[in-house]
Amino acid sequence: MAFPARRGRLPPGEMFPAKEAGYRVSFVRLASGLRIRVVERGNADGLPVLMLPGWGSTVYIWRRIFPGVADSGFRAIAVDLKGSGLSDKPLGEQEYTSEALMSHLGEIIDALELKRPVIVGHSQAASVAYRFAKKYPSRVRGLVLVSPVGHAGVKLLWLYKLLTPKFLRGVLPALCTRTAIRITLHRVYGNLGHFTQRDVREFYSPCQFPEFAIAQRDSLHAFDWNEPVTGLLMLPALALHGTNDHLVRGDTMADYKRAIPGIEVVEIAGAGHIVPEEADEQVNVALAAFLRRIRDG
């Protein structure tokens, strides 16, 4: 079900990558019965690079990264995770626990028949990717963590939870407004760029589905945002983060360095939380070099 058209929302048929050449879009049914949107570009026989958007985001967040990955000879794949974008949006906190999202990632890999992909995760999805790789290292070729959150808490998370109690779930769709999206983008951007009206429209468009706001609320409450980074993970890994990211705690990268020997950490001065948007050139350079090392090594 979708709300009637409202100014600023893009109809599903106009959301990225609509009308852009070179992309393949499909809807895939998972073992759980959920249907997700999959966007691909590049060599279908190349090393698969699976890109996961963070909380509340869609494949749009990877639009500036897709061409670089694909043009380097890799199979670039991005999905709208459950609860987001044009994928199904099951309700209930049990759908968005850390374990449930790891299981969801496993189902995606199975449904797409990916053999040991490189997983690139942003924000919350970076934490999901790390936990999945730690639990199933043989299923992952490499790991890229972009602005990872979910191991050392999130600033003001207590306030967000306080403002979204369970008894208010029913009114949340009405609060998913264009203004709310703009305020959120203001908070997560750093100093390297500024979001456009198109960005606002893309991030706002999932609000046309009433289930979207409720699903994101359930994820906010159910996901473990404080699970420590422990143990050792012996996989090729790359981490990228901005110095003006107010969501990533300062000691998070130090924790990853201890847990993943040899991880390459790229710090981008001035960037905020949405690094693929603000610093796409730096991300593309670092990511392409990392992927080539994996492929050619």
C-alpha atoms as a PDB file:
ATOM      1  CA  MET A   1       0.000   0.000   0.000  1.00  0.00           C
ATOM      2  CA  ALA A   2       1.197   3.515  -0.759  1.00  0.00           C
ATOM      3  CA  PHE A   3      -0.014   6.942   0.253  1.00  0.00           C
ATOM      4  CA  PRO A   4      -1.416   9.204  -2.484  1.00  0.00           C
ATOM      5  CA  ALA A   5       1.198  11.198  -4.372  1.00  0.00           C
ATOM      6  CA  ARG A   6       2.569  14.117  -2.364  1.00  0.00           C
ATOM      7  CA  ARG A   7       4.842  16.925  -3.515  1.00  0.00           C
ATOM      8  CA  GLY A   8       8.455  15.885  -3.404  1.00  0.00           C
ATOM      9  CA  ARG A   9       7.941  12.140  -3.478  1.00  0.00           C
ATOM     10  CA  LEU A  10       9.104  10.217  -6.506  1.00  0.00           C
ATOM     11  CA  PRO A  11       6.807   7.460  -7.788  1.00  0.00           C
ATOM     12  CA  PRO A  12       8.537   4.062  -7.626  1.00  0.00           C
ATOM     13  CA  GLY A  13       9.110   4.128 -11.373  1.00  0.00           C
ATOM     14  CA  GLU A  14      11.123   7.347 -11.089  1.00  0.00           C
ATOM     15  CA  MET A  15      13.389   6.358  -8.201  1.00  0.00           C
ATOM     16  CA  PHE A  16      17.056   5.677  -8.952  1.00  0.00           C
ATOM     17  CA  PRO A  17      18.194   4.201 -11.317  1.00  0.00           C
ATOM     18  CA  ALA A  18      15.144   5.025 -13.445  1.00  0.00           C
ATOM     19  CA  LYS A  19      16.020   6.090 -17.002  1.00  0.00           C
ATOM     20  CA  GLU A  20      19.764   5.715 -16.390  1.00  0.00           C
ATOM     21  CA  ALA A  21      21.597   3.494 -18.846  1.00  0.00           C
ATOM     22  CA  GLY A  22      23.702   0.536 -17.803  1.00  0.00           C
ATOM     23  CA  TYR A  23      21.686  -0.671 -14.811  1.00  0.00           C
ATOM     24  CA  ARG A  24      19.792  -3.926 -14.388  1.00  0.00           C
ATOM     25  CA  VAL A  25      16.881  -3.876 -11.934  1.00  0.00           C
ATOM     26  CA  SER A  26      15.076  -6.943 -10.634  1.00  0.00           C
ATOM     27  CA  PHE A  27      12.905  -8.031  -7.736  1.00  0.00           C
ATOM     28  CA  VAL A  28      14.057 -11.233  -6.077  1.00  0.00           C
ATOM     29  CA  ARG A  29      12.092 -13.524  -3.776  1.00  0.00           C
ATOM     30  CA  LEU A  30      14.032 -14.753  -0.746  1.00  0.00           C
ATOM     31  CA  ALA A  31      13.632 -18.039   1.119  1.00  0.00           C
ATOM     32  CA  SER A  32      11.668 -16.179   3.796  1.00  0.00           C
ATOM     33  CA  GLY A  33       9.128 -15.127   1.182  1.00  0.00           C
ATOM     34  CA  LEU A  34      10.184 -11.483   1.249  1.00  0.00           C
ATOM     35  CA  ARG A  35      10.755  -9.689  -2.046  1.00  0.00           C
ATOM     36  CA  ILE A  36      13.678  -7.290  -2.381  1.00  0.00           C
ATOM     37  CA  ARG A  37      14.827  -4.874  -5.062  1.00  0.00           C
ATOM     38  CA  VAL A  38      18.210  -5.598  -6.632  1.00  0.00           C
ATOM     39  CA  VAL A  39      20.147  -3.155  -8.812  1.00  0.00           C
ATOM     40  CA  GLU A  40      23.207  -4.296 -10.765  1.00  0.00           C
ATOM     41  CA  ARG A  41      25.771  -2.823 -13.101  1.00  0.00           C
ATOM     42  CA  GLY A  42      28.930  -4.112 -14.732  1.00  0.00           C
ATOM     43  CA  ASN A  43      30.359  -7.496 -15.649  1.00  0.00           C
ATOM     44  CA  ALA A  44      27.850 -10.177 -14.660  1.00  0.00           C
ATOM     45  CA  ASP A  45      30.722 -12.689 -14.480  1.00  0.00           C
ATOM     46  CA  GLY A  46      33.032 -10.449 -12.472  1.00  0.00           C
ATOM     47  CA  LEU A  47      33.857 -10.657  -8.791  1.00  0.00           C
ATOM     48  CA  PRO A  48      30.569  -9.802  -7.028  1.00  0.00           C
ATOM     49  CA  VAL A  49      30.595  -6.664  -4.893  1.00  0.00           C
ATOM     50  CA  LEU A  50      27.455  -6.522  -2.758  1.00  0.00           C
ATOM     51  CA  MET A  51      26.677  -3.009  -1.494  1.00  0.00           C
ATOM     52  CA  LEU A  52      24.288  -2.578   1.435  1.00  0.00           C
ATOM     53  CA  PRO A  53      22.633   0.761   2.336  1.00  0.00           C
ATOM     54  CA  GLY A  54      22.418   1.834   5.946  1.00  0.00           C
ATOM     55  CA  TRP A  55      19.395   2.497   8.154  1.00  0.00           C
ATOM     56  CA  GLY A  56      16.602   4.219   6.262  1.00  0.00           C
ATOM     57  CA  SER A  57      18.579   4.372   3.003  1.00  0.00           C
ATOM     58  CA  THR A  58      18.195   2.815  -0.429  1.00  0.00           C
ATOM     59  CA  VAL A  59      20.427   1.792  -3.320  1.00  0.00           C
ATOM     60  CA  TYR A  60      20.510   5.504  -4.202  1.00  0.00           C
ATOM     61  CA  ILE A  61      23.288   6.025  -1.672  1.00  0.00           C
ATOM     62  CA  TRP A  62      25.628   3.995  -3.914  1.00  0.00           C
ATOM     63  CA  ARG A  63      24.813   5.832  -7.165  1.00  0.00           C
ATOM     64  CA  ARG A  64      28.236   7.542  -7.294  1.00  0.00           C
ATOM     65  CA  ILE A  65      30.038   4.311  -6.433  1.00  0.00           C
ATOM     66  CA  PHE A  66      28.300   2.010  -8.930  1.00  0.00           C
ATOM     67  CA  PRO A  67      30.140   3.292 -12.044  1.00  0.00           C
ATOM     68  CA  GLY A  68      33.598   3.067 -10.489  1.00  0.00           C
ATOM     69  CA  VAL A  69      33.073  -0.517  -9.321  1.00  0.00           C
ATOM     70  CA  ALA A  70      31.482  -1.624 -12.578  1.00  0.00           C
ATOM     71  CA  ASP A  71      33.990   0.121 -14.846  1.00  0.00           C
ATOM     72  CA  SER A  72      36.816  -1.627 -12.983  1.00  0.00           C
ATOM     73  CA  GLY A  73      35.477  -4.983 -14.186  1.00  0.00           C
ATOM     74  CA  PHE A  74      33.481  -6.039 -11.132  1.00  0.00           C
ATOM     75  CA  ARG A  75      29.857  -7.037 -10.744  1.00  0.00           C
ATOM     76  CA  ALA A  76      28.373  -4.149  -8.761  1.00  0.00           C
ATOM     77  CA  ILE A  77      25.218  -5.115  -6.866  1.00  0.00           C
ATOM     78  CA  ALA A  78      23.156  -3.069  -4.432  1.00  0.00           C
ATOM     79  CA  VAL A  79      19.941  -4.034  -2.679  1.00  0.00           C
ATOM     80  CA  ASP A  80      17.222  -2.302  -0.749  1.00  0.00           C
ATOM     81  CA  LEU A  81      17.308  -4.241   2.510  1.00  0.00           C
ATOM     82  CA  LYS A  82      14.001  -5.309   4.001  1.00  0.00           C
ATOM     83  CA  GLY A  83      12.118  -2.413   5.523  1.00  0.00           C
ATOM     84  CA  SER A  84      13.613   0.076   3.063  1.00  0.00           C
ATOM     85  CA  GLY A  85      13.225   1.455  -0.434  1.00  0.00           C
ATOM     86  CA  LEU A  86      11.138  -0.695  -2.761  1.00  0.00           C
ATOM     87  CA  SER A  87      11.726  -3.951  -0.901  1.00  0.00           C
ATOM     88  CA  ASP A  88       9.121  -5.569   1.329  1.00  0.00           C
ATOM     89  CA  LYS A  89       8.683  -4.004   4.746  1.00  0.00           C
ATOM     90  CA  PRO A  90       7.712  -6.601   7.346  1.00  0.00           C
ATOM     91  CA  LEU A  91       6.683  -5.148  10.694  1.00  0.00           C
ATOM     92  CA  GLY A  92       7.697  -6.258  14.171  1.00  0.00           C
ATOM     93  CA  GLU A  93      10.880  -5.754  16.138  1.00  0.00           C
ATOM     94  CA  GLN A  94      11.778  -9.436  15.684  1.00  0.00           C
ATOM     95  CA  GLU A  95      12.410  -8.683  11.983  1.00  0.00           C
ATOM     96  CA  TYR A  96      15.206  -6.219  12.708  1.00  0.00           C
ATOM     97  CA  THR A  97      17.334  -7.706  15.454  1.00  0.00           C
ATOM     98  CA  SER A  98      21.025  -8.156  14.715  1.00  0.00           C
ATOM     99  CA  GLU A  99      20.517 -11.885  14.168  1.00  0.00           C
ATOM    100  CA  ALA A 100      17.494 -11.319  11.922  1.00  0.00           C
ATOM    101  CA  LEU A 101      19.403  -8.890   9.704  1.00  0.00           C
ATOM    102  CA  MET A 102      22.366 -11.259   9.474  1.00  0.00           C
ATOM    103  CA  SER A 103      19.966 -14.012   8.407  1.00  0.00           C
ATOM    104  CA  HIS A 104      18.447 -11.615   5.868  1.00  0.00           C
ATOM    105  CA  LEU A 105      21.897 -10.941   4.409  1.00  0.00           C
ATOM    106  CA  GLY A 106      22.530 -14.673   4.130  1.00  0.00           C
ATOM    107  CA  GLU A 107      19.243 -15.121   2.278  1.00  0.00           C
ATOM    108  CA  ILE A 108      20.202 -12.371  -0.165  1.00  0.00           C
ATOM    109  CA  ILE A 109      23.550 -13.998  -0.910  1.00  0.00           C
ATOM    110  CA  ASP A 110      21.819 -17.355  -1.426  1.00  0.00           C
ATOM    111  CA  ALA A 111      19.045 -15.966  -3.635  1.00  0.00           C
ATOM    112  CA  LEU A 112      21.537 -14.136  -5.860  1.00  0.00           C
ATOM    113  CA  GLU A 113      23.772 -17.225  -5.923  1.00  0.00           C
ATOM    114  CA  LEU A 114      26.810 -15.177  -4.965  1.00  0.00           C
ATOM    115  CA  LYS A 115      29.972 -17.129  -4.321  1.00  0.00           C
ATOM    116  CA  ARG A 116      32.019 -15.348  -1.659  1.00  0.00           C
ATOM    117  CA  PRO A 117      31.182 -11.738  -2.512  1.00  0.00           C
ATOM    118  CA  VAL A 118      32.997  -8.703  -1.248  1.00  0.00           C
ATOM    119  CA  ILE A 119      30.455  -7.055   1.047  1.00  0.00           C
ATOM    120  CA  VAL A 120      30.358  -3.267   1.288  1.00  0.00           C
ATOM    121  CA  GLY A 121      28.169  -1.957   4.091  1.00  0.00           C
ATOM    122  CA  HIS A 122      27.294   1.586   5.099  1.00  0.00           C
ATOM    123  CA  SER A 123      26.376   2.676   8.633  1.00  0.00           C
ATOM    124  CA  GLN A 124      24.176   0.048  10.318  1.00  0.00           C
ATOM    125  CA  ALA A 125      24.664  -2.280   7.351  1.00  0.00           C
ATOM    126  CA  ALA A 126      28.437  -2.153   7.899  1.00  0.00           C
ATOM    127  CA  SER A 127      27.867  -3.582  11.354  1.00  0.00           C
ATOM    128  CA  VAL A 128      25.582  -6.265   9.910  1.00  0.00           C
ATOM    129  CA  ALA A 129      28.228  -7.123   7.298  1.00  0.00           C
ATOM    130  CA  TYR A 130      30.966  -7.354   9.943  1.00  0.00           C
ATOM    131  CA  ARG A 131      28.874  -9.610  12.181  1.00  0.00           C
ATOM    132  CA  PHE A 132      27.930 -11.813   9.221  1.00  0.00           C
ATOM    133  CA  ALA A 133      31.568 -12.129   8.123  1.00  0.00           C
ATOM    134  CA  LYS A 134      32.648 -12.919  11.668  1.00  0.00           C
ATOM    135  CA  LYS A 135      30.042 -15.686  11.933  1.00  0.00           C
ATOM    136  CA  TYR A 136      30.473 -17.017   8.379  1.00  0.00           C
ATOM    137  CA  PRO A 137      33.989 -16.043   7.224  1.00  0.00           C
ATOM    138  CA  SER A 138      34.054 -18.725   4.527  1.00  0.00           C
ATOM    139  CA  ARG A 139      31.115 -17.038   2.777  1.00  0.00           C
ATOM    140  CA  VAL A 140      32.851 -13.675   2.360  1.00  0.00           C
ATOM    141  CA  ARG A 141      35.804 -12.727   0.119  1.00  0.00           C
ATOM    142  CA  GLY A 142      36.396  -9.301   1.622  1.00  0.00           C
ATOM    143  CA  LEU A 143      34.788  -6.656   3.781  1.00  0.00           C
ATOM    144  CA  VAL A 144      34.390  -2.894   3.321  1.00  0.00           C
ATOM    145  CA  LEU A 145      33.025  -0.911   6.261  1.00  0.00           C
ATOM    146  CA  VAL A 146      31.833   2.591   5.392  1.00  0.00           C
ATOM    147  CA  SER A 147      30.982   4.838   8.361  1.00  0.00           C
ATOM    148  CA  PRO A 148      30.224   1.789  10.520  1.00  0.00           C
ATOM    149  CA  VAL A 149      27.897   2.141  13.493  1.00  0.00           C
ATOM    150  CA  GLY A 150      26.510  -0.487  15.829  1.00  0.00           C
ATOM    151  CA  HIS A 151      29.393  -1.360  18.131  1.00  0.00           C
ATOM    152  CA  ALA A 152      29.859   1.629  20.402  1.00  0.00           C
ATOM    153  CA  GLY A 153      26.393   3.095  20.558  1.00  0.00           C
ATOM    154  CA  VAL A 154      24.953   6.031  18.652  1.00  0.00           C
ATOM    155  CA  LYS A 155      24.889   9.579  19.944  1.00  0.00           C
ATOM    156  CA  LEU A 156      21.376  10.583  21.102  1.00  0.00           C
ATOM    157  CA  LEU A 157      20.019   7.084  20.408  1.00  0.00           C
ATOM    158  CA  TRP A 158      18.266   7.194  23.777  1.00  0.00           C
ATOM    159  CA  LEU A 159      16.386  10.288  22.640  1.00  0.00           C
ATOM    160  CA  TYR A 160      15.340   8.762  19.318  1.00  0.00           C
ATOM    161  CA  LYS A 161      13.985   5.736  21.169  1.00  0.00           C
ATOM    162  CA  LEU A 162      12.216   7.918  23.709  1.00  0.00           C
ATOM    163  CA  LEU A 163      10.467   9.815  20.917  1.00  0.00           C
ATOM    164  CA  THR A 164       9.305   6.631  19.145  1.00  0.00           C
ATOM    165  CA  PRO A 165       7.584   4.456  21.777  1.00  0.00           C
ATOM    166  CA  LYS A 166       5.671   1.405  20.686  1.00  0.00           C
ATOM    167  CA  PHE A 167       2.249   2.964  21.245  1.00  0.00           C
ATOM    168  CA  LEU A 168       3.076   5.677  18.673  1.00  0.00           C
ATOM    169  CA  ARG A 169       3.934   3.257  15.861  1.00  0.00           C
ATOM    170  CA  GLY A 170       0.632   3.954  14.127  1.00  0.00           C
ATOM    171  CA  VAL A 171       1.221   7.694  13.751  1.00  0.00           C
ATOM    172  CA  LEU A 172       4.827   7.488  12.554  1.00  0.00           C
ATOM    173  CA  PRO A 173       3.947   7.386   8.826  1.00  0.00           C
ATOM    174  CA  ALA A 174       2.372  10.839   9.159  1.00  0.00           C
ATOM    175  CA  LEU A 175       5.583  12.136  10.737  1.00  0.00           C
ATOM    176  CA  CYS A 176       7.729  10.904   7.838  1.00  0.00           C
ATOM    177  CA  THR A 177       7.762  14.295   6.151  1.00  0.00           C
ATOM    178  CA  ARG A 178       9.988  16.134   3.722  1.00  0.00           C
ATOM    179  CA  THR A 179      11.029  18.454   6.557  1.00  0.00           C
ATOM    180  CA  ALA A 180      12.018  15.506   8.744  1.00  0.00           C
ATOM    181  CA  ILE A 181      14.179  14.140   5.934  1.00  0.00           C
ATOM    182  CA  ARG A 182      15.894  17.496   5.418  1.00  0.00           C
ATOM    183  CA  ILE A 183      16.645  17.800   9.141  1.00  0.00           C
ATOM    184  CA  THR A 184      18.112  14.291   9.158  1.00  0.00           C
ATOM    185  CA  LEU A 185      20.327  15.018   6.159  1.00  0.00           C
ATOM    186  CA  HIS A 186      21.543  18.247   7.767  1.00  0.00           C
ATOM    187  CA  ARG A 187      22.583  16.234  10.809  1.00  0.00           C
ATOM    188  CA  VAL A 188      24.537  13.547   8.977  1.00  0.00           C
ATOM    189  CA  TYR A 189      26.356  15.657   6.380  1.00  0.00           C
ATOM    190  CA  GLY A 190      29.836  17.020   7.073  1.00  0.00           C
ATOM    191  CA  ASN A 191      31.728  19.855   5.389  1.00  0.00           C
ATOM    192  CA  LEU A 192      32.585  18.374   1.989  1.00  0.00           C
ATOM    193  CA  GLY A 193      29.282  18.794   0.242  1.00  0.00           C
ATOM    194  CA  HIS A 194      25.625  19.618   0.520  1.00  0.00           C
ATOM    195  CA  PHE A 195      22.623  17.524  -0.348  1.00  0.00           C
ATOM    196  CA  THR A 196      20.506  18.471  -3.350  1.00  0.00           C
ATOM    197  CA  GLN A 197      16.762  18.637  -3.863  1.00  0.00           C
ATOM    198  CA  ARG A 198      17.036  15.365  -5.758  1.00  0.00           C
ATOM    199  CA  ASP A 199      18.702  13.792  -2.719  1.00  0.00           C
ATOM    200  CA  VAL A 200      15.845  14.957  -0.502  1.00  0.00           C
ATOM    201  CA  ARG A 201      13.282  13.528  -2.924  1.00  0.00           C
ATOM    202  CA  GLU A 202      15.025  10.144  -3.092  1.00  0.00           C
ATOM    203  CA  PHE A 203      15.358   9.833   0.687  1.00  0.00           C
ATOM    204  CA  TYR A 204      11.785  11.086   1.145  1.00  0.00           C
ATOM    205  CA  SER A 205      10.194   8.788  -1.434  1.00  0.00           C
ATOM    206  CA  PRO A 206      10.033   5.623   0.725  1.00  0.00           C
ATOM    207  CA  CYS A 207       7.745   7.598   3.073  1.00  0.00           C
ATOM    208  CA  GLN A 208       4.958   7.000   0.532  1.00  0.00           C
ATOM    209  CA  PHE A 209       4.751   3.493   2.006  1.00  0.00           C
ATOM    210  CA  PRO A 210       3.192   3.619   5.509  1.00  0.00           C
ATOM    211  CA  GLU A 211       5.152   0.546   6.573  1.00  0.00           C
ATOM    212  CA  PHE A 212       8.476   2.284   5.976  1.00  0.00           C
ATOM    213  CA  ALA A 213       8.470   4.572   9.016  1.00  0.00           C
ATOM    214  CA  ILE A 214       7.218   1.781  11.278  1.00  0.00           C
ATOM    215  CA  ALA A 215       9.847  -0.663  10.023  1.00  0.00           C
ATOM    216  CA  GLN A 216      12.619   1.875  10.611  1.00  0.00           C
ATOM    217  CA  ARG A 217      11.303   2.505  14.111  1.00  0.00           C
ATOM    218  CA  ASP A 218      11.314  -1.247  14.798  1.00  0.00           C
ATOM    219  CA  SER A 219      14.902  -1.488  13.551  1.00  0.00           C
ATOM    220  CA  LEU A 220      15.945   1.450  15.714  1.00  0.00           C
ATOM    221  CA  HIS A 221      14.608  -0.296  18.816  1.00  0.00           C
ATOM    222  CA  ALA A 222      15.472  -3.929  18.049  1.00  0.00           C
ATOM    223  CA  PHE A 223      19.003  -3.714  16.666  1.00  0.00           C
ATOM    224  CA  ASP A 224      21.901  -4.061  19.093  1.00  0.00           C
ATOM    225  CA  TRP A 225      23.800  -0.810  18.600  1.00  0.00           C
ATOM    226  CA  ASN A 226      26.327  -1.617  21.331  1.00  0.00           C
ATOM    227  CA  GLU A 227      27.688  -5.063  20.469  1.00  0.00           C
ATOM    228  CA  PRO A 228      31.448  -4.839  21.066  1.00  0.00           C
ATOM    229  CA  VAL A 229      33.990  -5.646  18.371  1.00  0.00           C
ATOM    230  CA  THR A 230      35.700  -8.732  19.775  1.00  0.00           C
ATOM    231  CA  GLY A 231      37.736 -11.699  18.598  1.00  0.00           C
ATOM    232  CA  LEU A 232      39.714 -11.918  15.381  1.00  0.00           C
ATOM    233  CA  LEU A 233      38.500 -11.868  11.785  1.00  0.00           C
ATOM    234  CA  MET A 234      41.072 -12.937   9.208  1.00  0.00           C
ATOM    235  CA  LEU A 235      39.698 -11.372   6.034  1.00  0.00           C
ATOM    236  CA  PRO A 236      40.864  -8.610   3.696  1.00  0.00           C
ATOM    237  CA  ALA A 237      39.143  -5.486   4.964  1.00  0.00           C
ATOM    238  CA  LEU A 238      38.866  -1.775   4.300  1.00  0.00           C
ATOM    239  CA  ALA A 239      37.217   0.862   6.484  1.00  0.00           C
ATOM    240  CA  LEU A 240      36.363   4.427   5.495  1.00  0.00           C
ATOM    241  CA  HIS A 241      35.029   7.168   7.730  1.00  0.00           C
ATOM    242  CA  GLY A 242      34.774  10.949   7.897  1.00  0.00           C
ATOM    243  CA  THR A 243      36.334  13.086  10.596  1.00  0.00           C
ATOM    244  CA  ASN A 244      33.082  15.047  10.945  1.00  0.00           C
ATOM    245  CA  ASP A 245      30.910  11.979  11.406  1.00  0.00           C
ATOM    246  CA  HIS A 246      28.878  12.589  14.556  1.00  0.00           C
ATOM    247  CA  LEU A 247      27.470   9.047  14.574  1.00  0.00           C
ATOM    248  CA  VAL A 248      30.680   6.991  14.509  1.00  0.00           C
ATOM    249  CA  ARG A 249      32.386   6.938  17.898  1.00  0.00           C
ATOM    250  CA  GLY A 250      36.061   7.825  17.877  1.00  0.00           C
ATOM    251  CA  ASP A 251      37.276   4.490  19.226  1.00  0.00           C
ATOM    252  CA  THR A 252      35.346   2.386  16.701  1.00  0.00           C
ATOM    253  CA  MET A 253      38.215   2.286  14.194  1.00  0.00           C
ATOM    254  CA  ALA A 254      40.688   1.337  16.914  1.00  0.00           C
ATOM    255  CA  ASP A 255      38.420  -1.577  17.809  1.00  0.00           C
ATOM    256  CA  TYR A 256      38.327  -2.729  14.185  1.00  0.00           C
ATOM    257  CA  LYS A 257      42.117  -2.510  13.941  1.00  0.00           C
ATOM    258  CA  ARG A 258      42.418  -4.869  16.893  1.00  0.00           C
ATOM    259  CA  ALA A 259      39.781  -7.279  15.596  1.00  0.00           C
ATOM    260  CA  ILE A 260      40.752  -7.403  11.898  1.00  0.00           C
ATOM    261  CA  PRO A 261      44.535  -7.652  11.496  1.00  0.00           C
ATOM    262  CA  GLY A 262      45.717  -5.786   8.419  1.00  0.00           C
ATOM    263  CA  ILE A 263      42.551  -3.755   7.923  1.00  0.00           C
ATOM    264  CA  GLU A 264      43.183  -0.602   5.910  1.00  0.00           C
ATOM    265  CA  VAL A 265      41.568   2.468   7.469  1.00  0.00           C
ATOM    266  CA  VAL A 266      40.966   5.548   5.318  1.00  0.00           C
ATOM    267  CA  GLU A 267      40.086   8.719   7.202  1.00  0.00           C
ATOM    268  CA  ILE A 268      38.455  11.417   5.080  1.00  0.00           C
ATOM    269  CA  ALA A 269      38.948  14.897   6.504  1.00  0.00           C
ATOM    270  CA  GLY A 270      35.782  16.949   6.758  1.00  0.00           C
ATOM    271  CA  ALA A 271      33.386  14.226   5.638  1.00  0.00           C
ATOM    272  CA  GLY A 272      30.290  13.395   7.636  1.00  0.00           C
ATOM    273  CA  HIS A 273      28.348  10.155   7.896  1.00  0.00           C
ATOM    274  CA  ILE A 274      27.272   9.719   4.265  1.00  0.00           C
ATOM    275  CA  VAL A 275      30.778   9.311   2.891  1.00  0.00           C
ATOM    276  CA  PRO A 276      29.667   7.816  -0.473  1.00  0.00           C
ATOM    277  CA  GLU A 277      27.790  11.065  -1.136  1.00  0.00           C
ATOM    278  CA  GLU A 278      30.292  13.610   0.162  1.00  0.00           C
ATOM    279  CA  ALA A 279      33.589  12.000  -0.776  1.00  0.00           C
ATOM    280  CA  ASP A 280      32.768   9.707  -3.675  1.00  0.00           C
ATOM    281  CA  GLU A 281      36.117  10.277  -5.412  1.00  0.00           C
ATOM    282  CA  GLN A 282      38.104   9.192  -2.359  1.00  0.00           C
ATOM    283  CA  VAL A 283      35.790   6.234  -1.810  1.00  0.00           C
ATOM    284  CA  ASN A 284      36.058   5.116  -5.437  1.00  0.00           C
ATOM    285  CA  VAL A 285      39.866   5.299  -5.450  1.00  0.00           C
ATOM    286  CA  ALA A 286      40.254   3.362  -2.200  1.00  0.00           C
ATOM    287  CA  LEU A 287      37.579   0.822  -3.081  1.00  0.00           C
ATOM    288  CA  ALA A 288      38.905   0.121  -6.589  1.00  0.00           C
ATOM    289  CA  ALA A 289      42.431  -0.430  -5.277  1.00  0.00           C
ATOM    290  CA  PHE A 290      41.138  -2.749  -2.543  1.00  0.00           C
ATOM    291  CA  LEU A 291      39.022  -4.782  -4.966  1.00  0.00           C
ATOM    292  CA  ARG A 292      41.900  -5.152  -7.422  1.00  0.00           C
ATOM    293  CA  ARG A 293      44.152  -6.469  -4.646  1.00  0.00           C
ATOM    294  CA  ILE A 294      41.571  -9.090  -3.780  1.00  0.00           C
ATOM    295  CA  ARG A 295      40.931 -10.088  -7.388  1.00  0.00           C
ATOM    296  CA  ASP A 296      44.557 -10.157  -8.470  1.00  0.00           C
ATOM    297  CA  GLY A 297      46.037 -11.462  -5.236  1.00  0.00           C
END
